[in-house]
Amino acid sequence: MSHGTIDPCTEVARRLDADPDMLSHGTRAVLHAVLDVAVDAYSDAARRVRATLNRLEDEVFSSSRVDHTESVYSLKREVREFRDAVQPLVPVVQGLL
């Protein structure tokens, strides 16, 4: 799975700089910005996986007789990597709440 090119710390700082009033909330504002950047990144990744899945479904069910086995396993690996990256975040975020 490809990773984003934007440094998450830079993006958090940019968002906080864009809304100076938010910093009046102290560490809560920083935490919110960090979580917001993380959720946005994972949402983008989920959208890309969904688009790949839709494309692959179209190809598999098309009239062409191309072998899609490698593509299916590649997508399966990406989904597993995505899940493995997200799963450890769940207890961390729950603890922060």
PDB file of N, CA and C in Angstrom:
ATOM      1  N   MET A   1       0.860  -1.165   0.000  1.00  0.00           N
ATOM      2  CA  MET A   1       0.000   0.000   0.000  1.00  0.00           C
ATOM      3  C   MET A   1       0.902   1.222   0.000  1.00  0.00           C
ATOM      4  N   SER A   2       0.620   2.163  -0.848  1.00  0.00           N
ATOM      5  CA  SER A   2       1.454   3.361  -0.881  1.00  0.00           C
ATOM      6  C   SER A   2       1.078   4.282   0.268  1.00  0.00           C
ATOM      7  N   HIS A   3       2.081   4.929   0.777  1.00  0.00           N
ATOM      8  CA  HIS A   3       1.857   5.835   1.885  1.00  0.00           C
ATOM      9  C   HIS A   3       1.828   7.262   1.371  1.00  0.00           C
ATOM     10  N   GLY A   4       1.150   8.133   2.102  1.00  0.00           N
ATOM     11  CA  GLY A   4       1.034   9.524   1.690  1.00  0.00           C
ATOM     12  C   GLY A   4       2.375  10.224   1.670  1.00  0.00           C
ATOM     13  N   THR A   5       2.446  11.276   0.886  1.00  0.00           N
ATOM     14  CA  THR A   5       3.693  12.022   0.775  1.00  0.00           C
ATOM     15  C   THR A   5       3.730  13.207   1.726  1.00  0.00           C
ATOM     16  N   ILE A   6       2.615  13.517   2.339  1.00  0.00           N
ATOM     17  CA  ILE A   6       2.556  14.654   3.245  1.00  0.00           C
ATOM     18  C   ILE A   6       3.020  14.218   4.625  1.00  0.00           C
ATOM     19  N   ASP A   7       3.936  14.985   5.196  1.00  0.00           N
ATOM     20  CA  ASP A   7       4.393  14.722   6.555  1.00  0.00           C
ATOM     21  C   ASP A   7       3.235  15.050   7.489  1.00  0.00           C
ATOM     22  N   PRO A   8       2.776  14.071   8.294  1.00  0.00           N
ATOM     23  CA  PRO A   8       1.606  14.328   9.148  1.00  0.00           C
ATOM     24  C   PRO A   8       1.842  15.455  10.147  1.00  0.00           C
ATOM     25  N   CYS A   9       3.063  15.589  10.654  1.00  0.00           N
ATOM     26  CA  CYS A   9       3.345  16.673  11.612  1.00  0.00           C
ATOM     27  C   CYS A   9       3.218  18.036  10.946  1.00  0.00           C
ATOM     28  N   THR A  10       3.691  18.131   9.734  1.00  0.00           N
ATOM     29  CA  THR A  10       3.581  19.382   8.980  1.00  0.00           C
ATOM     30  C   THR A  10       2.118  19.711   8.720  1.00  0.00           C
ATOM     31  N   GLU A  11       1.339  18.685   8.385  1.00  0.00           N
ATOM     32  CA  GLU A  11      -0.084  18.901   8.118  1.00  0.00           C
ATOM     33  C   GLU A  11      -0.818  19.325   9.384  1.00  0.00           C
ATOM     34  N   VAL A  12      -0.491  18.726  10.527  1.00  0.00           N
ATOM     35  CA  VAL A  12      -1.104  19.125  11.801  1.00  0.00           C
ATOM     36  C   VAL A  12      -0.776  20.591  12.080  1.00  0.00           C
ATOM     37  N   ALA A  13       0.482  20.952  11.940  1.00  0.00           N
ATOM     38  CA  ALA A  13       0.902  22.339  12.187  1.00  0.00           C
ATOM     39  C   ALA A  13       0.185  23.305  11.235  1.00  0.00           C
ATOM     40  N   ARG A  14       0.053  22.900   9.969  1.00  0.00           N
ATOM     41  CA  ARG A  14      -0.631  23.759   8.992  1.00  0.00           C
ATOM     42  C   ARG A  14      -2.080  23.995   9.397  1.00  0.00           C
ATOM     43  N   ARG A  15      -2.760  22.931   9.828  1.00  0.00           N
ATOM     44  CA  ARG A  15      -4.164  23.069  10.228  1.00  0.00           C
ATOM     45  C   ARG A  15      -4.317  23.943  11.468  1.00  0.00           C
ATOM     46  N   LEU A  16      -3.410  23.788  12.411  1.00  0.00           N
ATOM     47  CA  LEU A  16      -3.485  24.610  13.618  1.00  0.00           C
ATOM     48  C   LEU A  16      -3.164  26.067  13.309  1.00  0.00           C
ATOM     49  N   ASP A  17      -2.200  26.287  12.422  1.00  0.00           N
ATOM     50  CA  ASP A  17      -1.864  27.663  12.019  1.00  0.00           C
ATOM     51  C   ASP A  17      -3.020  28.319  11.280  1.00  0.00           C
ATOM     52  N   ALA A  18      -3.786  27.515  10.554  1.00  0.00           N
ATOM     53  CA  ALA A  18      -4.908  28.043   9.776  1.00  0.00           C
ATOM     54  C   ALA A  18      -6.073  28.457  10.670  1.00  0.00           C
ATOM     55  N   ASP A  19      -6.103  27.970  11.905  1.00  0.00           N
ATOM     56  CA  ASP A  19      -7.201  28.276  12.825  1.00  0.00           C
ATOM     57  C   ASP A  19      -6.630  28.612  14.204  1.00  0.00           C
ATOM     58  N   PRO A  20      -6.066  29.821  14.362  1.00  0.00           N
ATOM     59  CA  PRO A  20      -5.420  30.192  15.625  1.00  0.00           C
ATOM     60  C   PRO A  20      -6.352  30.102  16.837  1.00  0.00           C
ATOM     61  N   ASP A  21      -7.641  30.315  16.652  1.00  0.00           N
ATOM     62  CA  ASP A  21      -8.587  30.208  17.771  1.00  0.00           C
ATOM     63  C   ASP A  21      -8.622  28.793  18.345  1.00  0.00           C
ATOM     64  N   MET A  22      -8.343  27.845  17.493  1.00  0.00           N
ATOM     65  CA  MET A  22      -8.381  26.461  17.946  1.00  0.00           C
ATOM     66  C   MET A  22      -7.327  26.211  19.026  1.00  0.00           C
ATOM     67  N   LEU A  23      -6.189  26.881  18.908  1.00  0.00           N
ATOM     68  CA  LEU A  23      -5.118  26.675  19.885  1.00  0.00           C
ATOM     69  C   LEU A  23      -5.501  27.144  21.284  1.00  0.00           C
ATOM     70  N   SER A  24      -6.545  27.960  21.378  1.00  0.00           N
ATOM     71  CA  SER A  24      -6.990  28.390  22.705  1.00  0.00           C
ATOM     72  C   SER A  24      -7.512  27.211  23.527  1.00  0.00           C
ATOM     73  N   HIS A  25      -7.754  26.087  22.860  1.00  0.00           N
ATOM     74  CA  HIS A  25      -8.222  24.879  23.542  1.00  0.00           C
ATOM     75  C   HIS A  25      -7.064  24.015  24.029  1.00  0.00           C
ATOM     76  N   GLY A  26      -5.836  24.458  23.824  1.00  0.00           N
ATOM     77  CA  GLY A  26      -4.653  23.781  24.335  1.00  0.00           C
ATOM     78  C   GLY A  26      -4.402  22.428  23.704  1.00  0.00           C
ATOM     79  N   THR A  27      -4.032  21.472  24.553  1.00  0.00           N
ATOM     80  CA  THR A  27      -3.655  20.151  24.051  1.00  0.00           C
ATOM     81  C   THR A  27      -4.807  19.421  23.370  1.00  0.00           C
ATOM     82  N   ARG A  28      -6.030  19.753  23.749  1.00  0.00           N
ATOM     83  CA  ARG A  28      -7.191  19.138  23.071  1.00  0.00           C
ATOM     84  C   ARG A  28      -7.200  19.504  21.591  1.00  0.00           C
ATOM     85  N   ALA A  29      -6.830  20.733  21.291  1.00  0.00           N
ATOM     86  CA  ALA A  29      -6.800  21.167  19.895  1.00  0.00           C
ATOM     87  C   ALA A  29      -5.737  20.400  19.114  1.00  0.00           C
ATOM     88  N   VAL A  30      -4.598  20.206  19.743  1.00  0.00           N
ATOM     89  CA  VAL A  30      -3.526  19.468  19.074  1.00  0.00           C
ATOM     90  C   VAL A  30      -3.955  18.022  18.850  1.00  0.00           C
ATOM     91  N   LEU A  31      -4.523  17.401  19.868  1.00  0.00           N
ATOM     92  CA  LEU A  31      -4.999  16.034  19.736  1.00  0.00           C
ATOM     93  C   LEU A  31      -6.055  15.929  18.635  1.00  0.00           C
ATOM     94  N   HIS A  32      -6.970  16.877  18.618  1.00  0.00           N
ATOM     95  CA  HIS A  32      -8.004  16.880  17.581  1.00  0.00           C
ATOM     96  C   HIS A  32      -7.370  16.975  16.200  1.00  0.00           C
ATOM     97  N   ALA A  33      -6.390  17.849  16.042  1.00  0.00           N
ATOM     98  CA  ALA A  33      -5.735  18.022  14.747  1.00  0.00           C
ATOM     99  C   ALA A  33      -4.994  16.745  14.337  1.00  0.00           C
ATOM    100  N   VAL A  34      -4.313  16.109  15.290  1.00  0.00           N
ATOM    101  CA  VAL A  34      -3.594  14.866  14.992  1.00  0.00           C
ATOM    102  C   VAL A  34      -4.570  13.788  14.550  1.00  0.00           C
ATOM    103  N   LEU A  35      -5.652  13.618  15.293  1.00  0.00           N
ATOM    104  CA  LEU A  35      -6.646  12.605  14.934  1.00  0.00           C
ATOM    105  C   LEU A  35      -7.317  12.930  13.600  1.00  0.00           C
ATOM    106  N   ASP A  36      -7.559  14.203  13.355  1.00  0.00           N
ATOM    107  CA  ASP A  36      -8.181  14.629  12.106  1.00  0.00           C
ATOM    108  C   ASP A  36      -7.291  14.270  10.916  1.00  0.00           C
ATOM    109  N   VAL A  37      -5.999  14.526  11.035  1.00  0.00           N
ATOM    110  CA  VAL A  37      -5.060  14.191   9.960  1.00  0.00           C
ATOM    111  C   VAL A  37      -5.011  12.674   9.766  1.00  0.00           C
ATOM    112  N   ALA A  38      -4.980  11.916  10.869  1.00  0.00           N
ATOM    113  CA  ALA A  38      -4.928  10.458  10.768  1.00  0.00           C
ATOM    114  C   ALA A  38      -6.186   9.911  10.094  1.00  0.00           C
ATOM    115  N   VAL A  39      -7.346  10.398  10.513  1.00  0.00           N
ATOM    116  CA  VAL A  39      -8.605   9.927   9.923  1.00  0.00           C
ATOM    117  C   VAL A  39      -8.666  10.282   8.441  1.00  0.00           C
ATOM    118  N   ASP A  40      -8.243  11.490   8.092  1.00  0.00           N
ATOM    119  CA  ASP A  40      -8.233  11.879   6.676  1.00  0.00           C
ATOM    120  C   ASP A  40      -7.340  10.959   5.853  1.00  0.00           C
ATOM    121  N   ALA A  41      -6.155  10.630   6.393  1.00  0.00           N
ATOM    122  CA  ALA A  41      -5.220   9.767   5.669  1.00  0.00           C
ATOM    123  C   ALA A  41      -5.810   8.367   5.482  1.00  0.00           C
ATOM    124  N   TYR A  42      -6.396   7.821   6.538  1.00  0.00           N
ATOM    125  CA  TYR A  42      -6.979   6.494   6.421  1.00  0.00           C
ATOM    126  C   TYR A  42      -8.225   6.502   5.546  1.00  0.00           C
ATOM    127  N   SER A  43      -8.979   7.579   5.551  1.00  0.00           N
ATOM    128  CA  SER A  43     -10.147   7.687   4.670  1.00  0.00           C
ATOM    129  C   SER A  43      -9.709   7.704   3.213  1.00  0.00           C
ATOM    130  N   ASP A  44      -8.630   8.438   2.920  1.00  0.00           N
ATOM    131  CA  ASP A  44      -8.104   8.458   1.551  1.00  0.00           C
ATOM    132  C   ASP A  44      -7.633   7.069   1.131  1.00  0.00           C
ATOM    133  N   ALA A  45      -6.940   6.380   2.027  1.00  0.00           N
ATOM    134  CA  ALA A  45      -6.471   5.028   1.720  1.00  0.00           C
ATOM    135  C   ALA A  45      -7.653   4.096   1.481  1.00  0.00           C
ATOM    136  N   ALA A  46      -8.687   4.206   2.297  1.00  0.00           N
ATOM    137  CA  ALA A  46      -9.875   3.363   2.127  1.00  0.00           C
ATOM    138  C   ALA A  46     -10.553   3.643   0.788  1.00  0.00           C
ATOM    139  N   ARG A  47     -10.600   4.913   0.390  1.00  0.00           N
ATOM    140  CA  ARG A  47     -11.178   5.264  -0.911  1.00  0.00           C
ATOM    141  C   ARG A  47     -10.380   4.640  -2.055  1.00  0.00           C
ATOM    142  N   ARG A  48      -9.041   4.671  -1.939  1.00  0.00           N
ATOM    143  CA  ARG A  48      -8.203   4.079  -2.992  1.00  0.00           C
ATOM    144  C   ARG A  48      -8.406   2.564  -3.066  1.00  0.00           C
ATOM    145  N   VAL A  49      -8.496   1.907  -1.917  1.00  0.00           N
ATOM    146  CA  VAL A  49      -8.728   0.458  -1.903  1.00  0.00           C
ATOM    147  C   VAL A  49     -10.091   0.155  -2.516  1.00  0.00           C
ATOM    148  N   ARG A  50     -11.102   0.941  -2.165  1.00  0.00           N
ATOM    149  CA  ARG A  50     -12.446   0.731  -2.716  1.00  0.00           C
ATOM    150  C   ARG A  50     -12.439   0.915  -4.241  1.00  0.00           C
ATOM    151  N   ALA A  51     -11.730   1.926  -4.729  1.00  0.00           N
ATOM    152  CA  ALA A  51     -11.655   2.161  -6.175  1.00  0.00           C
ATOM    153  C   ALA A  51     -10.938   1.005  -6.870  1.00  0.00           C
ATOM    154  N   THR A  52      -9.881   0.506  -6.260  1.00  0.00           N
ATOM    155  CA  THR A  52      -9.170  -0.640  -6.824  1.00  0.00           C
ATOM    156  C   THR A  52     -10.070  -1.867  -6.854  1.00  0.00           C
ATOM    157  N   LEU A  53     -10.816  -2.076  -5.784  1.00  0.00           N
ATOM    158  CA  LEU A  53     -11.739  -3.211  -5.724  1.00  0.00           C
ATOM    159  C   LEU A  53     -12.809  -3.094  -6.811  1.00  0.00           C
ATOM    160  N   ASN A  54     -13.373  -1.911  -6.980  1.00  0.00           N
ATOM    161  CA  ASN A  54     -14.398  -1.718  -8.020  1.00  0.00           C
ATOM    162  C   ASN A  54     -13.831  -1.980  -9.407  1.00  0.00           C
ATOM    163  N   ARG A  55     -12.614  -1.475  -9.660  1.00  0.00           N
ATOM    164  CA  ARG A  55     -11.972  -1.696 -10.958  1.00  0.00           C
ATOM    165  C   ARG A  55     -11.728  -3.182 -11.174  1.00  0.00           C
ATOM    166  N   LEU A  56     -11.235  -3.843 -10.137  1.00  0.00           N
ATOM    167  CA  LEU A  56     -10.937  -5.266 -10.242  1.00  0.00           C
ATOM    168  C   LEU A  56     -12.209  -6.081 -10.466  1.00  0.00           C
ATOM    169  N   GLU A  57     -13.275  -5.736  -9.784  1.00  0.00           N
ATOM    170  CA  GLU A  57     -14.559  -6.427 -10.002  1.00  0.00           C
ATOM    171  C   GLU A  57     -15.003  -6.280 -11.455  1.00  0.00           C
ATOM    172  N   ASP A  58     -14.904  -5.063 -11.979  1.00  0.00           N
ATOM    173  CA  ASP A  58     -15.278  -4.838 -13.375  1.00  0.00           C
ATOM    174  C   ASP A  58     -14.454  -5.710 -14.313  1.00  0.00           C
ATOM    175  N   GLU A  59     -13.150  -5.800 -14.021  1.00  0.00           N
ATOM    176  CA  GLU A  59     -12.275  -6.592 -14.881  1.00  0.00           C
ATOM    177  C   GLU A  59     -12.574  -8.091 -14.758  1.00  0.00           C
ATOM    178  N   VAL A  60     -12.795  -8.557 -13.541  1.00  0.00           N
ATOM    179  CA  VAL A  60     -13.054  -9.986 -13.327  1.00  0.00           C
ATOM    180  C   VAL A  60     -14.342 -10.417 -14.017  1.00  0.00           C
ATOM    181  N   PHE A  61     -15.354  -9.570 -13.957  1.00  0.00           N
ATOM    182  CA  PHE A  61     -16.648  -9.933 -14.531  1.00  0.00           C
ATOM    183  C   PHE A  61     -16.834  -9.436 -15.964  1.00  0.00           C
ATOM    184  N   SER A  62     -15.765  -8.962 -16.577  1.00  0.00           N
ATOM    185  CA  SER A  62     -15.854  -8.554 -17.976  1.00  0.00           C
ATOM    186  C   SER A  62     -15.767  -9.795 -18.860  1.00  0.00           C
ATOM    187  N   SER A  63     -15.957  -9.598 -20.130  1.00  0.00           N
ATOM    188  CA  SER A  63     -15.932 -10.736 -21.055  1.00  0.00           C
ATOM    189  C   SER A  63     -14.510 -11.190 -21.376  1.00  0.00           C
ATOM    190  N   SER A  64     -13.507 -10.423 -20.981  1.00  0.00           N
ATOM    191  CA  SER A  64     -12.126 -10.833 -21.256  1.00  0.00           C
ATOM    192  C   SER A  64     -11.757 -12.028 -20.384  1.00  0.00           C
ATOM    193  N   ARG A  65     -10.858 -12.807 -20.842  1.00  0.00           N
ATOM    194  CA  ARG A  65     -10.443 -14.011 -20.119  1.00  0.00           C
ATOM    195  C   ARG A  65      -9.021 -13.823 -19.561  1.00  0.00           C
ATOM    196  N   VAL A  66      -8.778 -12.672 -18.994  1.00  0.00           N
ATOM    197  CA  VAL A  66      -7.474 -12.384 -18.398  1.00  0.00           C
ATOM    198  C   VAL A  66      -7.449 -12.963 -16.991  1.00  0.00           C
ATOM    199  N   ASP A  67      -6.320 -13.519 -16.602  1.00  0.00           N
ATOM    200  CA  ASP A  67      -6.168 -14.086 -15.259  1.00  0.00           C
ATOM    201  C   ASP A  67      -5.914 -12.940 -14.273  1.00  0.00           C
ATOM    202  N   HIS A  68      -6.811 -12.776 -13.314  1.00  0.00           N
ATOM    203  CA  HIS A  68      -6.722 -11.686 -12.334  1.00  0.00           C
ATOM    204  C   HIS A  68      -6.240 -12.157 -10.966  1.00  0.00           C
ATOM    205  N   THR A  69      -5.728 -13.362 -10.909  1.00  0.00           N
ATOM    206  CA  THR A  69      -5.310 -13.931  -9.629  1.00  0.00           C
ATOM    207  C   THR A  69      -4.304 -13.039  -8.918  1.00  0.00           C
ATOM    208  N   GLU A  70      -3.300 -12.583  -9.622  1.00  0.00           N
ATOM    209  CA  GLU A  70      -2.278 -11.737  -9.001  1.00  0.00           C
ATOM    210  C   GLU A  70      -2.873 -10.439  -8.467  1.00  0.00           C
ATOM    211  N   SER A  71      -3.781  -9.842  -9.220  1.00  0.00           N
ATOM    212  CA  SER A  71      -4.426  -8.601  -8.777  1.00  0.00           C
ATOM    213  C   SER A  71      -5.277  -8.824  -7.538  1.00  0.00           C
ATOM    214  N   VAL A  72      -5.981  -9.945  -7.485  1.00  0.00           N
ATOM    215  CA  VAL A  72      -6.825 -10.256  -6.326  1.00  0.00           C
ATOM    216  C   VAL A  72      -5.958 -10.411  -5.083  1.00  0.00           C
ATOM    217  N   TYR A  73      -4.863 -11.160  -5.199  1.00  0.00           N
ATOM    218  CA  TYR A  73      -4.001 -11.359  -4.040  1.00  0.00           C
ATOM    219  C   TYR A  73      -3.269 -10.085  -3.645  1.00  0.00           C
ATOM    220  N   SER A  74      -2.955  -9.253  -4.609  1.00  0.00           N
ATOM    221  CA  SER A  74      -2.322  -7.964  -4.302  1.00  0.00           C
ATOM    222  C   SER A  74      -3.277  -7.084  -3.506  1.00  0.00           C
ATOM    223  N   LEU A  75      -4.533  -7.043  -3.935  1.00  0.00           N
ATOM    224  CA  LEU A  75      -5.532  -6.253  -3.215  1.00  0.00           C
ATOM    225  C   LEU A  75      -5.776  -6.841  -1.822  1.00  0.00           C
ATOM    226  N   LYS A  76      -5.819  -8.142  -1.727  1.00  0.00           N
ATOM    227  CA  LYS A  76      -6.001  -8.791  -0.426  1.00  0.00           C
ATOM    228  C   LYS A  76      -4.857  -8.401   0.518  1.00  0.00           C
ATOM    229  N   ARG A  77      -3.643  -8.363   0.019  1.00  0.00           N
ATOM    230  CA  ARG A  77      -2.485  -7.977   0.812  1.00  0.00           C
ATOM    231  C   ARG A  77      -2.604  -6.509   1.262  1.00  0.00           C
ATOM    232  N   GLU A  78      -3.052  -5.646   0.362  1.00  0.00           N
ATOM    233  CA  GLU A  78      -3.239  -4.235   0.717  1.00  0.00           C
ATOM    234  C   GLU A  78      -4.291  -4.068   1.809  1.00  0.00           C
ATOM    235  N   VAL A  79      -5.385  -4.794   1.683  1.00  0.00           N
ATOM    236  CA  VAL A  79      -6.446  -4.716   2.696  1.00  0.00           C
ATOM    237  C   VAL A  79      -5.924  -5.211   4.041  1.00  0.00           C
ATOM    238  N   ARG A  80      -5.148  -6.285   4.033  1.00  0.00           N
ATOM    239  CA  ARG A  80      -4.568  -6.809   5.274  1.00  0.00           C
ATOM    240  C   ARG A  80      -3.615  -5.782   5.897  1.00  0.00           C
ATOM    241  N   GLU A  81      -2.774  -5.150   5.074  1.00  0.00           N
ATOM    242  CA  GLU A  81      -1.855  -4.121   5.578  1.00  0.00           C
ATOM    243  C   GLU A  81      -2.633  -2.943   6.159  1.00  0.00           C
ATOM    244  N   PHE A  82      -3.692  -2.558   5.485  1.00  0.00           N
ATOM    245  CA  PHE A  82      -4.528  -1.457   5.947  1.00  0.00           C
ATOM    246  C   PHE A  82      -5.141  -1.799   7.305  1.00  0.00           C
ATOM    247  N   ARG A  83      -5.706  -2.980   7.404  1.00  0.00           N
ATOM    248  CA  ARG A  83      -6.309  -3.424   8.657  1.00  0.00           C
ATOM    249  C   ARG A  83      -5.264  -3.493   9.765  1.00  0.00           C
ATOM    250  N   ASP A  84      -4.092  -4.026   9.453  1.00  0.00           N
ATOM    251  CA  ASP A  84      -3.028  -4.139  10.444  1.00  0.00           C
ATOM    252  C   ASP A  84      -2.524  -2.769  10.898  1.00  0.00           C
ATOM    253  N   ALA A  85      -2.613  -1.771  10.036  1.00  0.00           N
ATOM    254  CA  ALA A  85      -2.189  -0.421  10.407  1.00  0.00           C
ATOM    255  C   ALA A  85      -3.238   0.279  11.270  1.00  0.00           C
ATOM    256  N   VAL A  86      -4.503   0.007  11.012  1.00  0.00           N
ATOM    257  CA  VAL A  86      -5.590   0.672  11.728  1.00  0.00           C
ATOM    258  C   VAL A  86      -5.868   0.014  13.079  1.00  0.00           C
ATOM    259  N   GLN A  87      -5.820  -1.289  13.138  1.00  0.00           N
ATOM    260  CA  GLN A  87      -6.227  -2.015  14.341  1.00  0.00           C
ATOM    261  C   GLN A  87      -5.530  -1.537  15.613  1.00  0.00           C
ATOM    262  N   PRO A  88      -4.222  -1.300  15.626  1.00  0.00           N
ATOM    263  CA  PRO A  88      -3.579  -0.856  16.870  1.00  0.00           C
ATOM    264  C   PRO A  88      -4.015   0.538  17.321  1.00  0.00           C
ATOM    265  N   LEU A  89      -4.599   1.302  16.418  1.00  0.00           N
ATOM    266  CA  LEU A  89      -5.020   2.658  16.772  1.00  0.00           C
ATOM    267  C   LEU A  89      -6.312   2.673  17.592  1.00  0.00           C
ATOM    268  N   VAL A  90      -7.112   1.640  17.464  1.00  0.00           N
ATOM    269  CA  VAL A  90      -8.414   1.616  18.125  1.00  0.00           C
ATOM    270  C   VAL A  90      -8.287   1.758  19.647  1.00  0.00           C
ATOM    271  N   PRO A  91      -7.497   0.934  20.339  1.00  0.00           N
ATOM    272  CA  PRO A  91      -7.401   1.094  21.793  1.00  0.00           C
ATOM    273  C   PRO A  91      -6.736   2.415  22.197  1.00  0.00           C
ATOM    274  N   VAL A  92      -5.834   2.909  21.383  1.00  0.00           N
ATOM    275  CA  VAL A  92      -5.177   4.183  21.689  1.00  0.00           C
ATOM    276  C   VAL A  92      -6.203   5.318  21.686  1.00  0.00           C
ATOM    277  N   VAL A  93      -7.009   5.360  20.637  1.00  0.00           N
ATOM    278  CA  VAL A  93      -8.032   6.410  20.541  1.00  0.00           C
ATOM    279  C   VAL A  93      -9.088   6.234  21.631  1.00  0.00           C
ATOM    280  N   GLN A  94      -9.462   5.000  21.898  1.00  0.00           N
ATOM    281  CA  GLN A  94     -10.438   4.765  22.984  1.00  0.00           C
ATOM    282  C   GLN A  94      -9.881   5.242  24.313  1.00  0.00           C
ATOM    283  N   GLY A  95      -8.607   5.007  24.550  1.00  0.00           N
ATOM    284  CA  GLY A  95      -7.976   5.478  25.779  1.00  0.00           C
ATOM    285  C   GLY A  95      -7.944   6.989  25.868  1.00  0.00           C
ATOM    286  N   LEU A  96      -7.750   7.651  24.740  1.00  0.00           N
ATOM    287  CA  LEU A  96      -7.734   9.115  24.727  1.00  0.00           C
ATOM    288  C   LEU A  96      -9.113   9.695  24.985  1.00  0.00           C
ATOM    289  N   LEU A  97     -10.142   8.986  24.537  1.00  0.00           N
ATOM    290  CA  LEU A  97     -11.498   9.472  24.754  1.00  0.00           C
ATOM    291  C   LEU A  97     -11.842   9.423  26.223  1.00  0.00           C
TER     292      LEU A  97
END
